[in-house]
């Protein structure tokens, strides 16, 4: 493996971690702005509590199906969770 390839791989890992943290923070902020507990979000979305917790902690990637279920329960557009340039509707 070349040094250039190794650097590209490391940059990709970093960006994946940044994506997880961005999604985690935005989902948590949105959930709290809507006044939802994790239990309520679980009940409304059908997404298991532990999955919600792990996504919000930034230890799990969010699948598209999960993103859409959570956003539907929160009456939010998915772009509110995944975009860094979108203002939250509270």
PDB file of N, CA and C in Angstrom:
ATOM      1  N   UNK A   1       0.851  -1.164   0.000  1.00  0.00           N
ATOM      2  CA  UNK A   1       0.000   0.000   0.000  1.00  0.00           C
ATOM      3  C   UNK A   1       0.900   1.231   0.000  1.00  0.00           C
ATOM      4  N   UNK A   2       0.570   2.169  -0.867  1.00  0.00           N
ATOM      5  CA  UNK A   2       1.359   3.386  -0.928  1.00  0.00           C
ATOM      6  C   UNK A   2       0.977   4.307   0.226  1.00  0.00           C
ATOM      7  N   UNK A   3       1.839   5.249   0.488  1.00  0.00           N
ATOM      8  CA  UNK A   3       1.563   6.226   1.544  1.00  0.00           C
ATOM      9  C   UNK A   3       0.333   7.059   1.192  1.00  0.00           C
ATOM     10  N   UNK A   4       0.194   7.365  -0.089  1.00  0.00           N
ATOM     11  CA  UNK A   4      -0.965   8.140  -0.543  1.00  0.00           C
ATOM     12  C   UNK A   4      -2.270   7.377  -0.299  1.00  0.00           C
ATOM     13  N   UNK A   5      -2.270   6.093  -0.578  1.00  0.00           N
ATOM     14  CA  UNK A   5      -3.456   5.266  -0.339  1.00  0.00           C
ATOM     15  C   UNK A   5      -3.767   5.191   1.147  1.00  0.00           C
ATOM     16  N   UNK A   6      -2.744   5.005   1.966  1.00  0.00           N
ATOM     17  CA  UNK A   6      -2.937   4.935   3.414  1.00  0.00           C
ATOM     18  C   UNK A   6      -3.521   6.240   3.950  1.00  0.00           C
ATOM     19  N   UNK A   7      -3.035   7.365   3.443  1.00  0.00           N
ATOM     20  CA  UNK A   7      -3.549   8.670   3.863  1.00  0.00           C
ATOM     21  C   UNK A   7      -5.011   8.830   3.448  1.00  0.00           C
ATOM     22  N   UNK A   8      -5.334   8.421   2.238  1.00  0.00           N
ATOM     23  CA  UNK A   8      -6.717   8.517   1.755  1.00  0.00           C
ATOM     24  C   UNK A   8      -7.647   7.670   2.619  1.00  0.00           C
ATOM     25  N   UNK A   9      -7.196   6.498   3.015  1.00  0.00           N
ATOM     26  CA  UNK A   9      -7.999   5.625   3.876  1.00  0.00           C
ATOM     27  C   UNK A   9      -8.216   6.278   5.233  1.00  0.00           C
ATOM     28  N   UNK A  10      -7.191   6.850   5.797  1.00  0.00           N
ATOM     29  CA  UNK A  10      -7.321   7.520   7.097  1.00  0.00           C
ATOM     30  C   UNK A  10      -8.267   8.710   7.012  1.00  0.00           C
ATOM     31  N   UNK A  11      -8.196   9.484   5.936  1.00  0.00           N
ATOM     32  CA  UNK A  11      -9.099  10.628   5.766  1.00  0.00           C
ATOM     33  C   UNK A  11     -10.544  10.160   5.637  1.00  0.00           C
ATOM     34  N   UNK A  12     -10.760   9.044   4.976  1.00  0.00           N
ATOM     35  CA  UNK A  12     -12.101   8.492   4.840  1.00  0.00           C
ATOM     36  C   UNK A  12     -12.637   8.057   6.197  1.00  0.00           C
ATOM     37  N   UNK A  13     -11.814   7.409   6.998  1.00  0.00           N
ATOM     38  CA  UNK A  13     -12.235   6.993   8.333  1.00  0.00           C
ATOM     39  C   UNK A  13     -12.631   8.204   9.162  1.00  0.00           C
ATOM     40  N   UNK A  14     -11.837   9.245   9.085  1.00  0.00           N
ATOM     41  CA  UNK A  14     -12.137  10.457   9.836  1.00  0.00           C
ATOM     42  C   UNK A  14     -13.458  11.052   9.385  1.00  0.00           C
ATOM     43  N   UNK A  15     -13.687  11.096   8.086  1.00  0.00           N
ATOM     44  CA  UNK A  15     -14.930  11.683   7.614  1.00  0.00           C
ATOM     45  C   UNK A  15     -16.138  10.828   8.014  1.00  0.00           C
ATOM     46  N   UNK A  16     -15.981   9.518   8.055  1.00  0.00           N
ATOM     47  CA  UNK A  16     -17.073   8.658   8.521  1.00  0.00           C
ATOM     48  C   UNK A  16     -17.389   8.949   9.981  1.00  0.00           C
ATOM     49  N   UNK A  17     -16.365   9.139  10.782  1.00  0.00           N
ATOM     50  CA  UNK A  17     -16.579   9.466  12.197  1.00  0.00           C
ATOM     51  C   UNK A  17     -17.259  10.825  12.332  1.00  0.00           C
ATOM     52  N   UNK A  18     -16.870  11.768  11.507  1.00  0.00           N
ATOM     53  CA  UNK A  18     -17.495  13.087  11.544  1.00  0.00           C
ATOM     54  C   UNK A  18     -18.965  13.004  11.160  1.00  0.00           C
ATOM     55  N   UNK A  19     -19.278  12.160  10.179  1.00  0.00           N
ATOM     56  CA  UNK A  19     -20.672  11.980   9.769  1.00  0.00           C
ATOM     57  C   UNK A  19     -21.478  11.402  10.923  1.00  0.00           C
ATOM     58  N   UNK A  20     -20.951  10.367  11.576  1.00  0.00           N
ATOM     59  CA  UNK A  20     -21.668   9.767  12.704  1.00  0.00           C
ATOM     60  C   UNK A  20     -21.920  10.788  13.801  1.00  0.00           C
ATOM     61  N   UNK A  21     -20.919  11.605  14.104  1.00  0.00           N
ATOM     62  CA  UNK A  21     -21.067  12.597  15.170  1.00  0.00           C
ATOM     63  C   UNK A  21     -22.062  13.692  14.781  1.00  0.00           C
ATOM     64  N   UNK A  22     -22.043  14.113  13.526  1.00  0.00           N
ATOM     65  CA  UNK A  22     -22.982  15.130  13.060  1.00  0.00           C
ATOM     66  C   UNK A  22     -24.414  14.609  13.136  1.00  0.00           C
ATOM     67  N   UNK A  23     -24.630  13.408  12.626  1.00  0.00           N
ATOM     68  CA  UNK A  23     -25.965  12.813  12.668  1.00  0.00           C
ATOM     69  C   UNK A  23     -26.405  12.621  14.118  1.00  0.00           C
ATOM     70  N   UNK A  24     -25.498  12.159  14.956  1.00  0.00           N
ATOM     71  CA  UNK A  24     -25.814  11.937  16.372  1.00  0.00           C
ATOM     72  C   UNK A  24     -26.288  13.225  17.030  1.00  0.00           C
ATOM     73  N   UNK A  25     -25.537  14.273  16.854  1.00  0.00           N
ATOM     74  CA  UNK A  25     -25.874  15.547  17.480  1.00  0.00           C
ATOM     75  C   UNK A  25     -27.162  16.135  16.961  1.00  0.00           C
ATOM     76  N   UNK A  26     -27.371  16.036  15.660  1.00  0.00           N
ATOM     77  CA  UNK A  26     -28.576  16.622  15.072  1.00  0.00           C
ATOM     78  C   UNK A  26     -29.819  15.823  15.456  1.00  0.00           C
ATOM     79  N   UNK A  27     -29.722  14.499  15.503  1.00  0.00           N
ATOM     80  CA  UNK A  27     -30.869  13.692  15.908  1.00  0.00           C
ATOM     81  C   UNK A  27     -31.218  13.957  17.371  1.00  0.00           C
ATOM     82  N   UNK A  28     -30.215  14.027  18.208  1.00  0.00           N
ATOM     83  CA  UNK A  28     -30.435  14.301  19.629  1.00  0.00           C
ATOM     84  C   UNK A  28     -31.087  15.674  19.818  1.00  0.00           C
ATOM     85  N   UNK A  29     -30.565  16.675  19.139  1.00  0.00           N
ATOM     86  CA  UNK A  29     -31.112  18.026  19.231  1.00  0.00           C
ATOM     87  C   UNK A  29     -32.555  18.070  18.748  1.00  0.00           C
ATOM     88  N   UNK A  30     -32.822  17.413  17.640  1.00  0.00           N
ATOM     89  CA  UNK A  30     -34.166  17.383  17.079  1.00  0.00           C
ATOM     90  C   UNK A  30     -35.132  16.653  18.019  1.00  0.00           C
ATOM     91  N   UNK A  31     -34.712  15.516  18.547  1.00  0.00           N
ATOM     92  CA  UNK A  31     -35.567  14.757  19.461  1.00  0.00           C
ATOM     93  C   UNK A  31     -35.920  15.585  20.687  1.00  0.00           C
ATOM     94  N   UNK A  32     -34.922  16.236  21.271  1.00  0.00           N
ATOM     95  CA  UNK A  32     -35.170  17.049  22.461  1.00  0.00           C
ATOM     96  C   UNK A  32     -36.029  18.274  22.138  1.00  0.00           C
ATOM     97  N   UNK A  33     -35.809  18.872  20.970  1.00  0.00           N
ATOM     98  CA  UNK A  33     -36.606  20.034  20.569  1.00  0.00           C
ATOM     99  C   UNK A  33     -38.080  19.669  20.413  1.00  0.00           C
ATOM    100  N   UNK A  34     -38.343  18.434  20.042  1.00  0.00           N
ATOM    101  CA  UNK A  34     -39.718  17.962  19.899  1.00  0.00           C
ATOM    102  C   UNK A  34     -40.296  17.475  21.232  1.00  0.00           C
ATOM    103  N   UNK A  35     -39.465  17.442  22.268  1.00  0.00           N
ATOM    104  CA  UNK A  35     -39.931  17.010  23.582  1.00  0.00           C
ATOM    105  C   UNK A  35     -40.095  15.504  23.711  1.00  0.00           C
ATOM    106  N   UNK A  36     -39.371  14.759  22.885  1.00  0.00           N
ATOM    107  CA  UNK A  36     -39.461  13.297  22.900  1.00  0.00           C
ATOM    108  C   UNK A  36     -38.357  12.701  23.756  1.00  0.00           C
ATOM    109  N   UNK A  37     -38.723  11.721  24.563  1.00  0.00           N
ATOM    110  CA  UNK A  37     -37.717  10.882  25.222  1.00  0.00           C
ATOM    111  C   UNK A  37     -37.328   9.792  24.223  1.00  0.00           C
ATOM    112  N   UNK A  38     -36.288   9.064  24.521  1.00  0.00           N
ATOM    113  CA  UNK A  38     -35.939   7.937  23.646  1.00  0.00           C
ATOM    114  C   UNK A  38     -37.049   6.896  23.654  1.00  0.00           C
ATOM    115  N   UNK A  39     -37.667   6.705  24.814  1.00  0.00           N
ATOM    116  CA  UNK A  39     -38.770   5.737  24.895  1.00  0.00           C
ATOM    117  C   UNK A  39     -39.932   6.151  24.010  1.00  0.00           C
ATOM    118  N   UNK A  40     -40.267   7.440  24.019  1.00  0.00           N
ATOM    119  CA  UNK A  40     -41.378   7.915  23.189  1.00  0.00           C
ATOM    120  C   UNK A  40     -41.024   7.781  21.706  1.00  0.00           C
ATOM    121  N   UNK A  41     -39.784   8.116  21.358  1.00  0.00           N
ATOM    122  CA  UNK A  41     -39.365   7.993  19.968  1.00  0.00           C
ATOM    123  C   UNK A  41     -39.392   6.530  19.536  1.00  0.00           C
ATOM    124  N   UNK A  42     -38.983   5.641  20.421  1.00  0.00           N
ATOM    125  CA  UNK A  42     -39.064   4.206  20.154  1.00  0.00           C
ATOM    126  C   UNK A  42     -40.504   3.794  19.870  1.00  0.00           C
ATOM    127  N   UNK A  43     -41.431   4.240  20.723  1.00  0.00           N
ATOM    128  CA  UNK A  43     -42.840   3.875  20.568  1.00  0.00           C
ATOM    129  C   UNK A  43     -43.438   4.442  19.276  1.00  0.00           C
ATOM    130  N   UNK A  44     -43.070   5.668  18.938  1.00  0.00           N
ATOM    131  CA  UNK A  44     -43.636   6.326  17.759  1.00  0.00           C
ATOM    132  C   UNK A  44     -43.030   5.827  16.451  1.00  0.00           C
ATOM    133  N   UNK A  45     -41.751   5.441  16.480  1.00  0.00           N
ATOM    134  CA  UNK A  45     -41.051   5.074  15.245  1.00  0.00           C
ATOM    135  C   UNK A  45     -40.932   3.571  15.021  1.00  0.00           C
ATOM    136  N   UNK A  46     -40.998   2.805  16.096  1.00  0.00           N
ATOM    137  CA  UNK A  46     -40.765   1.371  15.978  1.00  0.00           C
ATOM    138  C   UNK A  46     -39.288   1.015  15.939  1.00  0.00           C
ATOM    139  N   UNK A  47     -38.417   1.996  16.113  1.00  0.00           N
ATOM    140  CA  UNK A  47     -36.975   1.763  16.148  1.00  0.00           C
ATOM    141  C   UNK A  47     -36.585   1.462  17.597  1.00  0.00           C
ATOM    142  N   UNK A  48     -35.855   0.385  17.794  1.00  0.00           N
ATOM    143  CA  UNK A  48     -35.500  -0.056  19.144  1.00  0.00           C
ATOM    144  C   UNK A  48     -34.739   1.041  19.898  1.00  0.00           C
ATOM    145  N   UNK A  49     -35.045   1.151  21.187  1.00  0.00           N
ATOM    146  CA  UNK A  49     -34.422   2.137  22.073  1.00  0.00           C
ATOM    147  C   UNK A  49     -32.895   2.097  21.968  1.00  0.00           C
ATOM    148  N   UNK A  50     -32.308   0.907  22.004  1.00  0.00           N
ATOM    149  CA  UNK A  50     -30.841   0.796  21.976  1.00  0.00           C
ATOM    150  C   UNK A  50     -30.247   1.293  20.665  1.00  0.00           C
ATOM    151  N   UNK A  51     -30.970   1.120  19.573  1.00  0.00           N
ATOM    152  CA  UNK A  51     -30.490   1.641  18.287  1.00  0.00           C
ATOM    153  C   UNK A  51     -30.505   3.166  18.325  1.00  0.00           C
ATOM    154  N   UNK A  52     -31.580   3.746  18.838  1.00  0.00           N
ATOM    155  CA  UNK A  52     -31.657   5.209  18.964  1.00  0.00           C
ATOM    156  C   UNK A  52     -30.515   5.708  19.842  1.00  0.00           C
ATOM    157  N   UNK A  53     -30.311   5.048  20.971  1.00  0.00           N
ATOM    158  CA  UNK A  53     -29.243   5.447  21.903  1.00  0.00           C
ATOM    159  C   UNK A  53     -27.884   5.392  21.216  1.00  0.00           C
ATOM    160  N   UNK A  54     -27.596   4.313  20.531  1.00  0.00           N
ATOM    161  CA  UNK A  54     -26.283   4.162  19.889  1.00  0.00           C
ATOM    162  C   UNK A  54     -26.073   5.164  18.763  1.00  0.00           C
ATOM    163  N   UNK A  55     -27.123   5.469  18.018  1.00  0.00           N
ATOM    164  CA  UNK A  55     -27.007   6.495  16.973  1.00  0.00           C
ATOM    165  C   UNK A  55     -26.719   7.846  17.614  1.00  0.00           C
ATOM    166  N   UNK A  56     -27.464   8.186  18.666  1.00  0.00           N
ATOM    167  CA  UNK A  56     -27.267   9.479  19.328  1.00  0.00           C
ATOM    168  C   UNK A  56     -25.913   9.570  20.023  1.00  0.00           C
ATOM    169  N   UNK A  57     -25.364   8.471  20.440  1.00  0.00           N
ATOM    170  CA  UNK A  57     -24.037   8.468  21.057  1.00  0.00           C
ATOM    171  C   UNK A  57     -22.924   8.476  20.014  1.00  0.00           C
ATOM    172  N   UNK A  58     -23.288   8.304  18.750  1.00  0.00           N
ATOM    173  CA  UNK A  58     -22.298   8.312  17.679  1.00  0.00           C
ATOM    174  C   UNK A  58     -21.530   7.015  17.560  1.00  0.00           C
ATOM    175  N   UNK A  59     -22.087   5.926  18.087  1.00  0.00           N
ATOM    176  CA  UNK A  59     -21.398   4.635  18.007  1.00  0.00           C
ATOM    177  C   UNK A  59     -22.012   3.716  16.970  1.00  0.00           C
ATOM    178  N   UNK A  60     -23.037   4.189  16.285  1.00  0.00           N
ATOM    179  CA  UNK A  60     -23.693   3.377  15.252  1.00  0.00           C
ATOM    180  C   UNK A  60     -24.051   4.268  14.068  1.00  0.00           C
ATOM    181  N   UNK A  61     -23.822   3.734  12.872  1.00  0.00           N
ATOM    182  CA  UNK A  61     -24.268   4.422  11.667  1.00  0.00           C
ATOM    183  C   UNK A  61     -25.775   4.287  11.554  1.00  0.00           C
ATOM    184  N   UNK A  62     -26.408   5.274  10.965  1.00  0.00           N
ATOM    185  CA  UNK A  62     -27.855   5.228  10.783  1.00  0.00           C
ATOM    186  C   UNK A  62     -28.159   4.683   9.390  1.00  0.00           C
ATOM    187  N   UNK A  63     -29.028   3.688   9.336  1.00  0.00           N
ATOM    188  CA  UNK A  63     -29.469   3.149   8.058  1.00  0.00           C
ATOM    189  C   UNK A  63     -30.567   4.064   7.511  1.00  0.00           C
ATOM    190  N   UNK A  64     -30.713   4.075   6.203  1.00  0.00           N
ATOM    191  CA  UNK A  64     -31.720   4.947   5.603  1.00  0.00           C
ATOM    192  C   UNK A  64     -33.124   4.616   6.088  1.00  0.00           C
ATOM    193  N   UNK A  65     -33.450   3.350   6.217  1.00  0.00           N
ATOM    194  CA  UNK A  65     -34.788   2.994   6.688  1.00  0.00           C
ATOM    195  C   UNK A  65     -35.021   3.504   8.105  1.00  0.00           C
ATOM    196  N   UNK A  66     -34.006   3.430   8.936  1.00  0.00           N
ATOM    197  CA  UNK A  66     -34.107   3.929  10.314  1.00  0.00           C
ATOM    198  C   UNK A  66     -34.235   5.446  10.305  1.00  0.00           C
ATOM    199  N   UNK A  67     -33.447   6.111   9.482  1.00  0.00           N
ATOM    200  CA  UNK A  67     -33.521   7.567   9.367  1.00  0.00           C
ATOM    201  C   UNK A  67     -34.938   7.999   9.007  1.00  0.00           C
ATOM    202  N   UNK A  68     -35.544   7.342   8.028  1.00  0.00           N
ATOM    203  CA  UNK A  68     -36.889   7.725   7.602  1.00  0.00           C
ATOM    204  C   UNK A  68     -37.931   7.434   8.676  1.00  0.00           C
ATOM    205  N   UNK A  69     -37.794   6.334   9.388  1.00  0.00           N
ATOM    206  CA  UNK A  69     -38.728   6.025  10.480  1.00  0.00           C
ATOM    207  C   UNK A  69     -38.626   7.069  11.592  1.00  0.00           C
ATOM    208  N   UNK A  70     -37.404   7.408  11.970  1.00  0.00           N
ATOM    209  CA  UNK A  70     -37.221   8.396  13.039  1.00  0.00           C
ATOM    210  C   UNK A  70     -37.735   9.763  12.613  1.00  0.00           C
ATOM    211  N   UNK A  71     -37.442  10.155  11.393  1.00  0.00           N
ATOM    212  CA  UNK A  71     -37.888  11.462  10.908  1.00  0.00           C
ATOM    213  C   UNK A  71     -39.407  11.521  10.789  1.00  0.00           C
ATOM    214  N   UNK A  72     -40.025  10.441  10.365  1.00  0.00           N
ATOM    215  CA  UNK A  72     -41.489  10.418  10.283  1.00  0.00           C
ATOM    216  C   UNK A  72     -42.086  10.592  11.670  1.00  0.00           C
ATOM    217  N   UNK A  73     -41.523   9.918  12.661  1.00  0.00           N
ATOM    218  CA  UNK A  73     -42.026  10.026  14.033  1.00  0.00           C
ATOM    219  C   UNK A  73     -41.822  11.428  14.593  1.00  0.00           C
ATOM    220  N   UNK A  74     -40.742  12.085  14.186  1.00  0.00           N
ATOM    221  CA  UNK A  74     -40.429  13.424  14.682  1.00  0.00           C
ATOM    222  C   UNK A  74     -41.014  14.524  13.809  1.00  0.00           C
ATOM    223  N   UNK A  75     -41.752  14.154  12.758  1.00  0.00           N
ATOM    224  CA  UNK A  75     -42.298  15.111  11.799  1.00  0.00           C
ATOM    225  C   UNK A  75     -41.184  16.020  11.280  1.00  0.00           C
ATOM    226  N   UNK A  76     -40.127  15.378  10.815  1.00  0.00           N
ATOM    227  CA  UNK A  76     -38.958  16.105  10.340  1.00  0.00           C
ATOM    228  C   UNK A  76     -38.543  15.597   8.968  1.00  0.00           C
ATOM    229  N   UNK A  77     -37.917  16.454   8.214  1.00  0.00           N
ATOM    230  CA  UNK A  77     -37.350  16.059   6.941  1.00  0.00           C
ATOM    231  C   UNK A  77     -35.990  15.415   7.217  1.00  0.00           C
ATOM    232  N   UNK A  78     -35.636  14.328   6.548  1.00  0.00           N
ATOM    233  CA  UNK A  78     -34.334  13.709   6.783  1.00  0.00           C
ATOM    234  C   UNK A  78     -33.153  14.660   6.612  1.00  0.00           C
ATOM    235  N   UNK A  79     -33.319  15.672   5.774  1.00  0.00           N
ATOM    236  CA  UNK A  79     -32.218  16.626   5.593  1.00  0.00           C
ATOM    237  C   UNK A  79     -31.912  17.386   6.877  1.00  0.00           C
ATOM    238  N   UNK A  80     -32.878  17.464   7.789  1.00  0.00           N
ATOM    239  CA  UNK A  80     -32.627  18.120   9.068  1.00  0.00           C
ATOM    240  C   UNK A  80     -31.629  17.334   9.908  1.00  0.00           C
ATOM    241  N   UNK A  81     -31.534  16.052   9.660  1.00  0.00           N
ATOM    242  CA  UNK A  81     -30.622  15.203  10.427  1.00  0.00           C
ATOM    243  C   UNK A  81     -29.275  15.064   9.733  1.00  0.00           C
ATOM    244  N   UNK A  82     -29.273  14.990   8.402  1.00  0.00           N
ATOM    245  CA  UNK A  82     -28.023  14.677   7.711  1.00  0.00           C
ATOM    246  C   UNK A  82     -27.292  15.875   7.133  1.00  0.00           C
ATOM    247  N   UNK A  83     -27.942  17.022   7.039  1.00  0.00           N
ATOM    248  CA  UNK A  83     -27.290  18.197   6.467  1.00  0.00           C
ATOM    249  C   UNK A  83     -26.698  19.074   7.561  1.00  0.00           C
ATOM    250  N   UNK A  84     -25.495  19.547   7.321  1.00  0.00           N
ATOM    251  CA  UNK A  84     -24.878  20.454   8.276  1.00  0.00           C
ATOM    252  C   UNK A  84     -25.259  21.904   7.983  1.00  0.00           C
ATOM    253  N   UNK A  85     -25.956  22.147   6.878  1.00  0.00           N
ATOM    254  CA  UNK A  85     -26.324  23.522   6.500  1.00  0.00           C
ATOM    255  C   UNK A  85     -27.808  23.790   6.635  1.00  0.00           C
ATOM    256  N   UNK A  86     -28.510  22.987   7.417  1.00  0.00           N
ATOM    257  CA  UNK A  86     -29.951  23.083   7.522  1.00  0.00           C
ATOM    258  C   UNK A  86     -30.299  23.530   8.929  1.00  0.00           C
ATOM    259  N   UNK A  87     -31.144  24.531   9.056  1.00  0.00           N
ATOM    260  CA  UNK A  87     -31.587  24.980  10.372  1.00  0.00           C
ATOM    261  C   UNK A  87     -32.738  24.092  10.848  1.00  0.00           C
ATOM    262  N   UNK A  88     -32.670  23.671  12.077  1.00  0.00           N
ATOM    263  CA  UNK A  88     -33.713  22.823  12.631  1.00  0.00           C
ATOM    264  C   UNK A  88     -35.002  23.597  12.781  1.00  0.00           C
ATOM    265  N   UNK A  89     -36.131  22.948  12.456  1.00  0.00           N
ATOM    266  CA  UNK A  89     -37.446  23.506  12.693  1.00  0.00           C
ATOM    267  C   UNK A  89     -37.865  23.068  14.098  1.00  0.00           C
ATOM    268  N   UNK A  90     -37.927  23.989  15.007  1.00  0.00           N
ATOM    269  CA  UNK A  90     -38.333  23.624  16.383  1.00  0.00           C
ATOM    270  C   UNK A  90     -39.665  24.235  16.733  1.00  0.00           C
TER     271      UNK A  90
END
